[in-house]
Every structure is written in structure tokens, then in C-alpha cells.
Amino acid sequence: MAFAHDSVRVLQCFIQFGNQKQRWEVFEELKDSVLAMSKSPYGKHVVKKLLMYGNKELVAAVIQMFKGHIRQMLRHAAASTIVEYAYNDKAVLAQRLMITDELYGPTYAICKSLEHNTIEKVVKENPEKLENIMDETKQVIVPLTQKEQVIKHSVVHKVFLDFFLLAPDKQRSVSASVFLQLRYVCGAARASCCTDWVGLGSHTSCVCCDSDQEMIESIREAVVYMAHTHDGARVAMRCLWHGTAKDRKVIIKTMKTYMVKFATGEFGHMVLLAIFDCVDDTKLVKQAEILSALPEVIGNKHGKKVLLYLLSPRDPAHMLPEIVKELEQGDGNAHSKKDMATRRRELLESVSPALLEYLCENAATMVKDKATSVTISDILASACGDLRPAMTAVAQLANQELVPGGIKGELHMAEHPAGHLVLKWLIEQDATLAEAGREERFSRILVDTVGTDTMKSWVRVNRGAMVLCRSAKPSHFILSSSDL
């Protein structure tokens, strides 16, 4: 029943709607076939139902059946999804460690103890074994990247990240190249080169000799399908940091189609930040299609971080200290030759025209949206080029007499919860622009556009009065006391 496409549904319903005693009875009947079912396109659903609806004891019993077979299951497309579900959704810490333990090789298994039960503790306790453990780990995990369905799994990403964090520099650099290129084992070197063999149709090739086409294909599968998880994104970042200029170029080109998904992804956007930090070929980075989808990117909380990073990198006002610390790990890498300030200036020059144009055309929407309003001050503080058209577009929104409570439910910009803050920020920002040697002044454009007579009506509400008080300060002077 568990292997047929129709009868397996009966078992699934029985497990889902039965009680715990009945689920245990099913498990007892099928426990000798759990591994076989995990590899079956139909039977795997029974195993997943047992994990999904079983109590803690039943879940532990099912996961225990995987012990000693994790590597085998991860190499199987169907079984790997069961391991991933168990690891991500059901396993407790001890069970997660049991799943990953098998991927670190035999030396790790020998050195592991009850007290030292993680890869970090084992390596710290046995530093002389580090190189052997990392070599064995590499031999286990590199073949896993040859299947698109398997490389998506977070359990694989976790082990890859452990490797990049713990491996010595020399070993890590070599393995970064192996990971990025995913070279196969050729028949000529079978005896001396590798113990893991993979057939690619009628062609079999070696870890030491591959073509550029194989490299590009492998990178696309390895990076694009890893960046959706916390660990996978950080593996991709380390491949960028430790990869050569050629590696980086191929990664960016293969990511091009997915740039918007990367920018708006919870973890994928971190890969883009790493690209901005380390890739010297800014012309290649400029080809990214982020700017062609600005409405989607700027309206997404993660996409907004990408744009703000281009405008003001590592600004503590927009980034957590933990994220800044993570990005700093890529500074000073061996393959980035261009000065960081020069790289950032070139990127800023490439995105500024599109951002200023977007602000001019969508000022009304951005000003009154709490999420996007904060980007206005950053655009007008950091963008290159003429800021006056964008400043005028924002000032024009306030060019009407303020009526408390608004007209037909539409609040005046100076009374709007987000709009009045934009006015206040931009007036305060004039001092920063002056220090930077810029000629544009929002306060002057605001007075020229709105006029002092209209601005006097702002005192009718608290928020408007706050904006006027800010504008009357000596450092932001636009109105005299007699005007008020």
C-alpha cells in the first residue's frame, strides 16, 4: 500500500486523522521500510505524515531510522526532501546534530564525544585533525551539489558554511574553486584522482579537468539555489569573497535573471551586498536588472536595504551591527584590488540617475508611505547629479494651504504622519549638503515653491508647527521671526 499511488493516500489519511496509538501501529508495521519509502515518489508522503502528525516520541523514532543513511538519502532527490523536512521542521538540537554528523566524515566521528558533540568543539579540541576533517567533509558535500533538488536544502548549506568557516585559508581557497566549478571525475584519472564518481550521460570527467561551460552550469545551480537560506546566502558570500575575478564574473552573469528575487529575498539580498563590497568590475554589477524593477524593489523591505546600501553603505541608521560585522569579514580579501571608496562611488554614479528620476515621478506615493519615505532623505543626501528637480517634486506636494484634518480625508503633507517627517529631515539635511560642498538647498526650494504666506498656515497643526520651528533654527534658517 505504501508504494502505490492510490492506496498510499489511504495510509496518509489514516495517519492524519488517526490517534497516536494508531500512528504508532502504522510505524511498527512500516519501520523496516522507512528508508525504502523515503526514496519512493509515493511512499515518502507516508514518512512525512508520520513526522508531521506524530508526537515527539514517534518523530524521534522515525528520525532514528535515518541514522547511518543520511549521506545516501541526501544523494536521492526524493529522500533528501524527507531529511530536509525532518531537519528544518521537526528535529530538536540533538537530532539535527545527528543528521549533520554523518556529513563531516569518519575522522570527525572518531573524535566526537558526548562533551564535544559539535564540529566547532571537535575542531577546537583536536586542532591537529582539522585538515583531515575538512578534506573528508569536502569529499562528502561536493557531490551533493550535482543535483538541483539537493543543493536547495538547508542541511547541505549548513555543512558548506561550517566548512568555509573552519577550513584553513589555503584549503578554503582551493575548495572555493572546487565548489564554484564542481569539476567532475574523468576516466583517465579514476585510479589516482578521486573516489567519488559521477556519470554525466555517456561522459565522465575529473575533478582536475572541466570546461568553462560546466563551470557556468555548476555555479548557476550552486549559488542561485542556495541564497534563499541563512546559511546558503553566507556560503555564496564567501564564494564571492574568496573566488577569483573570473569566478565572480560568472556568478554575477548567472544571477542576472534572478537579481530582483535576490534583492527582495530575506537572505538573498545579503549576497548582493557582498557583490557591491568586493567586485571590482563595477560595469558588470551595473548590468544587474535591479533598477528596471525599482517599484518592486523599493517597496520591499529587503530590496529597500539594497538601495540604501548603494546610497550609504553600512549606515548604522539602516543596518544592524551584526550585519555590518558579517559584511566586514569580506574586507581585505585577496582578490579585490580596487579601493573601496572608488568602487562605491562608481556604483553610486550608476544608480543615482534612476533613483532621482523615480523620486521625481513617484514623490507623492513615496512621501506618504511610511516604509519608503525614509529613502527620500537618503536619495537626496547621497545621490550624484542635479538634486533640484527631485527636491522641487517633493516641495510641490506641500504647495497648498493647510486645512486641519485635510480635505476629503487627504491630509496636507505638513500634517501627514510620514510627510511632515520628510520635510523636517530634508530641511535638517541642508547643513550636511553644505558641508559636502553641494549647492542644492531643499529649504530654499521649499520657500520658492510654496511661499511664506502659504507656509504660515502650517502653524494650525502641531506637526506643521514643528516643521516651521525646525526651519526657523539658525542652522536651517528659511523663515524670519517676523514671517512667523
Protein backbone atom coordinates (compact mmCIF):
# COMPACT_ATOMS: atom_id res chain seq x y z
CA MET A 1 0.00 0.00 0.00
CA ALA A 2 2.76 2.46 0.87
CA PHE A 3 4.28 2.30 -2.61
CA ALA A 4 1.19 2.61 -4.80
CA HIS A 5 -0.07 6.00 -5.94
CA ASP A 6 -3.68 5.32 -4.92
CA SER A 7 -3.51 3.17 -1.78
CA VAL A 8 -0.82 5.38 -0.24
CA ARG A 9 -3.45 8.09 0.13
CA VAL A 10 -5.44 5.80 2.39
CA LEU A 11 -2.42 5.48 4.67
CA GLN A 12 -1.88 9.22 4.66
CA CYS A 13 -5.45 9.88 5.74
CA PHE A 14 -5.24 7.17 8.38
CA ILE A 15 -2.11 8.78 9.85
CA GLN A 16 -3.53 12.29 9.64
CA PHE A 17 -6.90 11.58 11.24
CA GLY A 18 -5.98 8.67 13.49
CA ASN A 19 -4.84 8.87 17.10
CA GLN A 20 -1.29 8.46 18.39
CA LYS A 21 -1.76 4.76 19.15
CA GLN A 22 -2.87 4.09 15.59
CA ARG A 23 0.06 6.08 14.21
CA TRP A 24 2.46 4.02 16.28
CA GLU A 25 0.86 0.84 14.91
CA VAL A 26 1.44 2.08 11.37
CA PHE A 27 5.04 2.91 12.18
CA GLU A 28 5.66 -0.52 13.72
CA GLU A 29 4.33 -2.16 10.59
CA LEU A 30 6.41 0.01 8.25
CA LYS A 31 9.58 0.80 10.21
CA ASP A 32 11.67 -1.72 8.29
CA SER A 33 10.63 0.00 5.06
CA VAL A 34 11.11 3.65 6.14
CA LEU A 35 14.27 4.11 4.08
CA ALA A 36 12.74 2.49 1.01
CA MET A 37 9.58 4.57 1.38
CA SER A 38 11.64 7.75 1.70
CA LYS A 39 13.06 7.06 -1.76
CA SER A 40 9.67 6.29 -3.27
CA PRO A 41 7.76 9.12 -5.01
CA TYR A 42 4.62 7.92 -3.19
CA GLY A 43 5.96 6.28 -0.05
CA LYS A 44 7.84 9.41 1.01
CA HIS A 45 4.50 11.07 1.79
CA VAL A 46 3.76 8.42 4.40
CA VAL A 47 7.08 9.10 6.13
CA LYS A 48 6.40 12.83 6.01
CA LYS A 49 2.93 12.33 7.52
CA LEU A 50 4.44 10.32 10.38
CA LEU A 51 6.82 13.21 11.05
CA MET A 52 4.11 15.81 10.63
CA TYR A 53 1.43 14.30 12.88
CA GLY A 54 3.41 12.06 15.22
CA ASN A 55 4.22 13.03 18.80
CA LYS A 56 7.78 13.68 19.96
CA GLU A 57 8.47 10.02 20.61
CA LEU A 58 7.25 8.96 17.18
CA VAL A 59 9.20 11.72 15.43
CA ALA A 60 12.35 10.66 17.32
CA ALA A 61 11.79 7.03 16.30
CA VAL A 62 11.39 7.94 12.62
CA ILE A 63 14.49 10.16 12.61
CA GLN A 64 16.45 7.43 14.37
CA MET A 65 15.73 5.18 11.38
CA PHE A 66 17.73 7.61 9.23
CA LYS A 67 20.90 7.18 11.29
CA GLY A 68 23.76 5.84 9.24
CA HIS A 69 21.92 6.52 5.97
CA ILE A 70 21.92 10.35 5.81
CA ARG A 71 24.54 10.61 3.06
CA GLN A 72 22.73 8.01 0.99
CA MET A 73 19.37 9.74 1.48
CA LEU A 74 20.71 13.19 0.65
CA ARG A 75 22.01 11.94 -2.68
CA HIS A 76 18.48 10.80 -3.55
CA ALA A 77 16.14 13.52 -4.79
CA ALA A 78 13.02 12.17 -3.05
CA ALA A 79 14.65 11.03 0.19
CA SER A 80 16.55 14.32 0.53
CA THR A 81 13.25 16.19 0.88
CA ILE A 82 12.34 13.98 3.87
CA VAL A 83 15.70 14.65 5.53
CA GLU A 84 15.26 18.37 4.90
CA TYR A 85 11.74 18.40 6.39
CA ALA A 86 12.88 16.47 9.45
CA TYR A 87 15.91 18.73 9.91
CA ASN A 88 14.10 22.01 9.42
CA ASP A 89 10.68 21.45 10.93
CA LYS A 90 10.70 18.58 13.40
CA ALA A 91 14.17 17.79 14.74
CA VAL A 92 15.40 19.09 18.09
CA LEU A 93 19.05 20.08 18.53
CA ALA A 94 20.34 16.58 19.27
CA GLN A 95 18.54 15.18 16.23
CA ARG A 96 19.82 17.98 13.99
CA LEU A 97 23.36 17.20 15.12
CA MET A 98 22.80 13.52 14.39
CA ILE A 99 21.72 14.39 10.83
CA THR A 100 24.71 16.61 10.09
CA ASP A 101 27.29 14.42 11.88
CA GLU A 102 27.43 11.96 9.01
CA LEU A 103 28.47 14.68 6.58
CA TYR A 104 31.74 15.53 8.33
CA GLY A 105 33.49 12.25 7.61
CA PRO A 106 34.97 9.37 9.66
CA THR A 107 37.69 11.39 11.43
CA TYR A 108 35.05 13.62 12.95
CA ALA A 109 33.01 10.58 14.03
CA ILE A 110 36.06 9.15 15.83
CA CYS A 111 36.91 12.43 17.60
CA LYS A 112 33.34 13.22 18.62
CA SER A 113 32.26 12.61 22.21
CA LEU A 114 29.35 13.41 24.49
CA GLU A 115 31.17 16.52 25.70
CA HIS A 116 32.45 17.56 22.28
CA ASN A 117 29.40 16.92 20.13
CA THR A 118 29.59 19.69 17.52
CA ILE A 119 32.02 20.34 14.70
CA GLU A 120 33.24 23.53 16.39
CA LYS A 121 34.00 21.77 19.67
CA VAL A 122 35.68 18.81 17.99
CA VAL A 123 37.95 21.04 15.91
CA LYS A 124 38.83 23.16 18.93
CA GLU A 125 39.69 20.09 20.97
CA ASN A 126 41.59 18.38 18.13
CA PRO A 127 43.24 21.13 16.05
CA GLU A 128 45.69 18.66 14.53
CA LYS A 129 42.73 16.82 12.95
CA LEU A 130 41.26 19.94 11.32
CA GLU A 131 42.75 19.42 7.88
CA ASN A 132 41.71 15.76 7.72
CA ILE A 133 38.17 16.56 8.87
CA MET A 134 37.82 19.34 6.29
CA ASP A 135 39.18 17.14 3.49
CA GLU A 136 36.71 14.40 4.32
CA THR A 137 33.87 16.90 4.64
CA LYS A 138 34.69 18.28 1.20
CA GLN A 139 34.64 14.80 -0.34
CA VAL A 140 31.17 14.24 1.12
CA ILE A 141 29.47 17.52 0.28
CA VAL A 142 30.82 18.44 -3.15
CA PRO A 143 28.98 15.55 -4.91
CA LEU A 144 25.74 16.73 -3.27
CA THR A 145 25.82 19.91 -5.37
CA GLN A 146 25.38 17.98 -8.62
CA LYS A 147 21.61 17.73 -8.16
CA GLU A 148 19.47 20.84 -8.26
CA GLN A 149 16.88 19.44 -5.86
CA VAL A 150 19.51 18.52 -3.27
CA ILE A 151 21.51 21.77 -3.34
CA LYS A 152 18.39 23.68 -2.30
CA HIS A 153 18.31 22.04 1.13
CA SER A 154 19.36 23.99 4.22
CA VAL A 155 21.01 20.94 5.81
CA VAL A 156 23.52 20.93 2.93
CA HIS A 157 24.01 24.69 3.28
CA LYS A 158 24.78 24.26 6.98
CA VAL A 159 27.64 21.86 6.31
CA PHE A 160 29.03 24.01 3.49
CA LEU A 161 29.03 27.03 5.79
CA ASP A 162 30.79 25.08 8.54
CA PHE A 163 33.44 24.13 6.01
CA PHE A 164 34.04 27.73 4.91
CA LEU A 165 34.13 28.96 8.49
CA LEU A 166 36.52 26.31 9.80
CA ALA A 167 38.76 25.31 6.91
CA PRO A 168 42.30 26.78 6.79
CA ASP A 169 42.79 29.61 4.28
CA LYS A 170 44.70 27.50 1.76
CA GLN A 171 42.22 24.65 1.92
CA ARG A 172 39.27 27.04 1.79
CA SER A 173 40.55 28.87 -1.28
CA VAL A 174 41.15 25.66 -3.19
CA SER A 175 37.77 24.30 -2.15
CA ALA A 176 36.00 27.53 -3.04
CA SER A 177 37.25 26.99 -6.56
CA VAL A 178 36.16 23.34 -6.49
CA PHE A 179 32.76 24.34 -5.12
CA LEU A 180 32.25 27.02 -7.73
CA GLN A 181 33.45 24.88 -10.62
CA LEU A 182 32.10 21.50 -9.41
CA ARG A 183 34.54 19.65 -11.55
CA TYR A 184 33.81 16.03 -12.32
CA VAL A 185 35.98 12.94 -12.28
CA CYS A 186 37.35 11.78 -15.63
CA GLY A 187 38.18 8.23 -16.59
CA ALA A 188 41.86 8.96 -17.21
CA ALA A 189 42.41 9.83 -13.55
CA ARG A 190 39.94 7.41 -11.97
CA ALA A 191 42.50 5.40 -10.05
CA SER A 192 44.55 8.29 -8.67
CA CYS A 193 42.27 11.30 -8.61
CA CYS A 194 39.07 10.66 -6.73
CA THR A 195 36.91 8.04 -5.09
CA ASP A 196 33.53 9.69 -5.86
CA TRP A 197 32.43 9.08 -9.42
CA VAL A 198 29.64 10.70 -11.32
CA GLY A 199 28.45 9.80 -14.78
CA LEU A 200 27.18 12.64 -16.93
CA GLY A 201 25.32 10.80 -19.68
CA SER A 202 27.97 9.00 -21.71
CA HIS A 203 30.66 11.38 -20.44
CA THR A 204 32.58 11.01 -17.21
CA SER A 205 35.11 13.64 -16.19
CA CYS A 206 37.56 14.51 -13.45
CA VAL A 207 37.93 16.95 -10.61
CA CYS A 208 41.05 18.24 -12.32
CA CYS A 209 39.71 18.99 -15.80
CA ASP A 210 36.45 20.64 -16.75
CA SER A 211 35.22 23.10 -19.32
CA ASP A 212 34.01 26.67 -18.85
CA GLN A 213 30.50 25.56 -19.78
CA GLU A 214 30.45 23.04 -16.92
CA MET A 215 31.68 25.76 -14.57
CA ILE A 216 28.91 28.19 -15.53
CA GLU A 217 26.27 25.49 -15.26
CA SER A 218 27.51 24.44 -11.85
CA ILE A 219 27.69 27.96 -10.46
CA ARG A 220 24.16 28.73 -11.50
CA GLU A 221 22.82 25.70 -9.67
CA ALA A 222 25.05 26.19 -6.64
CA VAL A 223 24.53 29.90 -5.99
CA VAL A 224 21.05 30.65 -7.25
CA TYR A 225 19.52 27.74 -5.35
CA MET A 226 21.42 28.36 -2.12
CA ALA A 227 20.76 32.04 -1.45
CA HIS A 228 17.24 31.51 -0.06
CA THR A 229 18.50 30.25 3.32
CA HIS A 230 20.54 31.93 6.05
CA ASP A 231 23.48 29.54 5.73
CA GLY A 232 23.27 29.24 1.95
CA ALA A 233 23.46 33.00 1.45
CA ARG A 234 26.55 33.16 3.63
CA VAL A 235 28.16 30.36 1.64
CA ALA A 236 27.51 32.35 -1.54
CA MET A 237 29.03 35.45 0.10
CA ARG A 238 32.19 33.53 0.96
CA CYS A 239 32.45 32.18 -2.56
CA LEU A 240 32.40 35.77 -3.78
CA TRP A 241 34.94 36.92 -1.22
CA HIS A 242 37.38 34.06 -1.82
CA GLY A 243 36.70 33.46 -5.50
CA THR A 244 38.81 34.93 -8.28
CA ALA A 245 37.69 37.74 -10.59
CA LYS A 246 36.65 35.11 -13.13
CA ASP A 247 34.58 33.26 -10.52
CA ARG A 248 32.81 36.47 -9.55
CA LYS A 249 32.09 37.39 -13.15
CA VAL A 250 30.45 34.05 -13.85
CA ILE A 251 28.42 34.17 -10.64
CA ILE A 252 27.02 37.62 -11.44
CA LYS A 253 26.18 36.73 -15.02
CA THR A 254 24.31 33.60 -13.99
CA MET A 255 22.46 35.54 -11.28
CA LYS A 256 21.32 38.23 -13.71
CA THR A 257 17.90 36.73 -14.39
CA TYR A 258 17.20 36.41 -10.67
CA MET A 259 18.53 39.76 -9.45
CA VAL A 260 15.13 41.06 -8.34
CA LYS A 261 14.46 37.82 -6.39
CA PHE A 262 17.85 38.17 -4.76
CA ALA A 263 17.22 41.83 -3.90
CA THR A 264 13.83 41.13 -2.34
CA GLY A 265 14.83 37.90 -0.58
CA GLU A 266 15.22 37.72 3.18
CA PHE A 267 18.70 36.22 2.83
CA GLY A 268 19.43 36.65 -0.88
CA HIS A 269 19.84 40.42 -0.57
CA MET A 270 22.94 39.80 1.56
CA VAL A 271 24.62 38.22 -1.47
CA LEU A 272 24.08 41.45 -3.42
CA LEU A 273 25.62 43.48 -0.60
CA ALA A 274 28.67 41.21 -0.75
CA ILE A 275 28.88 41.78 -4.51
CA PHE A 276 28.78 45.55 -4.03
CA ASP A 277 31.60 45.26 -1.50
CA CYS A 278 34.06 43.04 -3.33
CA VAL A 279 33.57 43.00 -7.11
CA ASP A 280 35.97 45.40 -8.83
CA ASP A 281 34.25 45.20 -12.22
CA THR A 282 31.51 47.71 -11.44
CA LYS A 283 30.42 47.75 -15.08
CA LEU A 284 29.40 44.13 -14.66
CA VAL A 285 27.49 44.95 -11.48
CA LYS A 286 25.72 47.83 -13.25
CA GLN A 287 24.18 45.33 -15.66
CA ALA A 288 22.06 43.93 -12.83
CA GLU A 289 18.36 44.37 -13.53
CA ILE A 290 17.50 45.80 -10.12
CA LEU A 291 16.88 49.31 -11.45
CA SER A 292 14.48 48.05 -14.11
CA ALA A 293 12.17 46.84 -11.32
CA LEU A 294 12.50 49.78 -8.93
CA PRO A 295 8.83 49.84 -7.83
CA GLU A 296 9.06 46.21 -6.68
CA VAL A 297 12.49 46.60 -5.10
CA ILE A 298 11.92 49.89 -3.29
CA GLY A 299 8.56 48.67 -1.97
CA ASN A 300 10.12 45.57 -0.41
CA LYS A 301 11.77 45.84 2.99
CA HIS A 302 14.79 43.83 1.87
CA GLY A 303 15.01 45.48 -1.53
CA LYS A 304 15.00 48.85 0.17
CA LYS A 305 18.06 47.79 2.17
CA VAL A 306 19.89 47.03 -1.08
CA LEU A 307 19.18 50.51 -2.46
CA LEU A 308 20.07 52.19 0.83
CA TYR A 309 23.34 50.23 0.87
CA LEU A 310 24.23 51.66 -2.52
CA LEU A 311 23.44 55.18 -1.28
CA SER A 312 25.06 54.97 2.16
CA PRO A 313 26.92 51.69 2.73
CA ARG A 314 26.88 50.21 6.23
CA ASP A 315 24.94 53.15 7.64
CA PRO A 316 24.03 52.21 11.24
CA ALA A 317 20.73 54.01 10.75
CA HIS A 318 19.66 51.25 8.36
CA MET A 319 21.77 48.20 9.25
CA LEU A 320 22.13 46.17 12.39
CA PRO A 321 25.64 45.93 13.87
CA GLU A 322 25.55 42.14 13.38
CA ILE A 323 25.01 42.56 9.64
CA VAL A 324 27.79 45.13 9.35
CA LYS A 325 30.12 42.78 11.22
CA GLU A 326 29.20 39.95 8.86
CA LEU A 327 29.96 42.07 5.78
CA GLU A 328 33.25 43.26 7.23
CA GLN A 329 34.51 39.67 7.05
CA GLY A 330 34.91 40.15 3.30
CA ASP A 331 37.03 43.29 3.61
CA GLY A 332 40.66 42.96 2.64
CA ASN A 333 40.17 39.76 0.65
CA ALA A 334 42.95 38.70 -1.70
CA HIS A 335 41.09 39.26 -4.97
CA SER A 336 39.61 42.77 -4.57
CA LYS A 337 42.21 45.26 -5.81
CA LYS A 338 40.18 48.42 -6.31
CA ASP A 339 39.91 50.95 -3.48
CA MET A 340 36.58 50.55 -1.67
CA ALA A 341 35.77 54.28 -1.90
CA THR A 342 36.32 54.23 -5.66
CA ARG A 343 34.15 51.14 -6.07
CA ARG A 344 31.33 52.66 -4.04
CA ARG A 345 31.49 55.95 -5.94
CA GLU A 346 31.22 54.17 -9.29
CA LEU A 347 28.22 52.18 -8.11
CA LEU A 348 26.57 55.31 -6.72
CA GLU A 349 27.05 57.13 -10.01
CA SER A 350 25.36 54.26 -11.84
CA VAL A 351 22.21 54.12 -9.67
CA SER A 352 21.73 57.84 -8.95
CA PRO A 353 20.00 58.87 -12.23
CA ALA A 354 17.40 56.11 -11.98
CA LEU A 355 16.68 56.81 -8.29
CA LEU A 356 16.34 60.57 -8.82
CA GLU A 357 14.05 60.01 -11.81
CA TYR A 358 11.93 57.56 -9.84
CA LEU A 359 11.63 60.05 -6.97
CA CYS A 360 10.53 62.81 -9.36
CA GLU A 361 7.83 60.60 -10.86
CA ASN A 362 6.64 58.97 -7.62
CA ALA A 363 7.20 61.66 -4.99
CA ALA A 364 3.55 61.71 -3.88
CA THR A 365 3.48 57.95 -3.29
CA MET A 366 6.84 57.80 -1.55
CA VAL A 367 6.28 60.79 0.75
CA LYS A 368 3.07 59.42 2.20
CA ASP A 369 4.24 55.84 2.60
CA LYS A 370 5.90 55.20 5.95
CA ALA A 371 8.18 52.48 4.56
CA THR A 372 9.51 54.34 1.52
CA SER A 373 9.54 57.86 2.97
CA VAL A 374 12.82 57.17 4.78
CA THR A 375 14.56 56.55 1.46
CA ILE A 376 13.82 60.07 0.21
CA SER A 377 16.29 61.76 2.52
CA ASP A 378 18.97 59.17 1.66
CA ILE A 379 18.47 59.68 -2.07
CA LEU A 380 18.69 63.46 -1.77
CA ALA A 381 21.64 63.23 0.64
CA SER A 382 23.83 60.83 -1.33
CA ALA A 383 22.78 60.69 -4.99
CA CYS A 384 25.07 62.14 -7.64
CA GLY A 385 23.78 64.65 -10.16
CA ASP A 386 21.32 67.53 -10.04
CA LEU A 387 19.05 67.17 -6.99
CA ARG A 388 16.86 70.20 -7.71
CA PRO A 389 14.19 68.50 -9.89
CA ALA A 390 13.61 65.83 -7.22
CA MET A 391 13.60 68.43 -4.43
CA THR A 392 11.09 70.52 -6.37
CA ALA A 393 8.84 67.48 -6.89
CA VAL A 394 8.77 66.89 -3.12
CA ALA A 395 8.27 70.59 -2.29
CA GLN A 396 5.43 70.84 -4.79
CA LEU A 397 3.42 68.37 -2.72
CA ALA A 398 3.26 70.94 0.09
CA ASN A 399 2.21 73.79 -2.21
CA GLN A 400 -1.29 74.30 -0.85
CA GLU A 401 -2.86 75.87 2.19
CA LEU A 402 -3.06 73.57 5.17
CA VAL A 403 -6.59 72.75 6.34
CA PRO A 404 -6.58 70.92 9.70
CA GLY A 405 -7.91 67.40 9.24
CA GLY A 406 -7.33 67.53 5.50
CA ILE A 407 -9.60 67.94 2.52
CA LYS A 408 -11.82 64.94 1.74
CA GLY A 409 -9.72 62.85 4.09
CA GLU A 410 -6.44 63.77 2.35
CA LEU A 411 -4.01 65.28 4.85
CA HIS A 412 -1.66 68.07 3.90
CA MET A 413 1.95 66.95 3.65
CA ALA A 414 2.93 69.03 6.70
CA GLU A 415 0.21 67.28 8.73
CA HIS A 416 0.75 63.78 7.37
CA PRO A 417 2.48 61.33 9.79
CA ALA A 418 5.18 60.47 7.25
CA GLY A 419 5.10 63.62 5.12
CA HIS A 420 5.95 66.07 7.90
CA LEU A 421 8.97 63.96 8.84
CA VAL A 422 10.22 64.09 5.24
CA LEU A 423 10.01 67.90 5.32
CA LYS A 424 11.83 68.01 8.64
CA TRP A 425 14.57 65.60 7.53
CA LEU A 426 15.20 67.41 4.26
CA ILE A 427 15.42 70.81 5.97
CA GLU A 428 17.89 69.44 8.51
CA GLN A 429 19.86 67.82 5.71
CA ASP A 430 20.74 71.16 4.15
CA ALA A 431 23.58 71.54 6.64
CA THR A 432 25.04 68.19 5.54
CA LEU A 433 24.79 69.19 1.87
CA ALA A 434 26.59 72.44 2.64
CA GLU A 435 29.42 70.56 4.36
CA ALA A 436 29.73 68.30 1.31
CA GLY A 437 30.03 71.34 -0.98
CA ARG A 438 26.68 70.79 -2.71
CA GLU A 439 24.80 73.86 -3.94
CA GLU A 440 21.27 72.47 -3.68
CA ARG A 441 19.20 73.51 -0.64
CA PHE A 442 15.79 71.99 -0.04
CA SER A 443 14.76 74.77 2.34
CA ARG A 444 15.29 77.42 -0.33
CA ILE A 445 13.42 75.40 -2.95
CA LEU A 446 10.59 74.84 -0.45
CA VAL A 447 10.16 78.57 0.19
CA ASP A 448 10.38 79.41 -3.51
CA THR A 449 7.83 76.73 -4.40
CA VAL A 450 5.32 77.12 -1.56
CA GLY A 451 5.79 80.76 -0.47
CA THR A 452 5.89 82.14 3.05
CA ASP A 453 2.22 83.15 3.06
CA THR A 454 1.09 79.57 2.45
CA MET A 455 3.61 78.20 4.93
CA LYS A 456 2.12 80.34 7.68
CA SER A 457 -0.99 78.15 7.56
CA TRP A 458 1.11 75.22 8.82
CA VAL A 459 1.04 76.61 12.37
CA ARG A 460 -2.58 75.47 12.65
CA VAL A 461 -1.45 71.91 13.47
CA ASN A 462 1.29 70.56 15.72
CA ARG A 463 3.19 68.73 13.01
CA GLY A 464 3.22 71.72 10.72
CA ALA A 465 4.38 73.93 13.58
CA MET A 466 7.23 71.51 14.28
CA VAL A 467 8.40 71.79 10.68
CA LEU A 468 8.30 75.59 10.86
CA CYS A 469 10.20 75.57 14.16
CA ARG A 470 12.87 73.43 12.55
CA SER A 471 13.07 75.80 9.59
CA ALA A 472 13.40 78.82 11.89
CA LYS A 473 16.55 77.48 13.60
CA PRO A 474 19.69 79.43 12.69
CA SER A 475 21.33 76.37 11.15
CA HIS A 476 18.30 75.73 8.91
CA PHE A 477 17.13 79.34 8.50
CA ILE A 478 14.42 79.83 5.87
CA LEU A 479 11.85 81.97 7.74
CA SER A 480 12.37 85.04 9.89
CA SER A 481 10.60 85.58 13.18
CA SER A 482 8.53 88.30 11.56
CA ASP A 483 7.32 85.81 8.93
CA LEU A 484 6.09 83.57 11.73
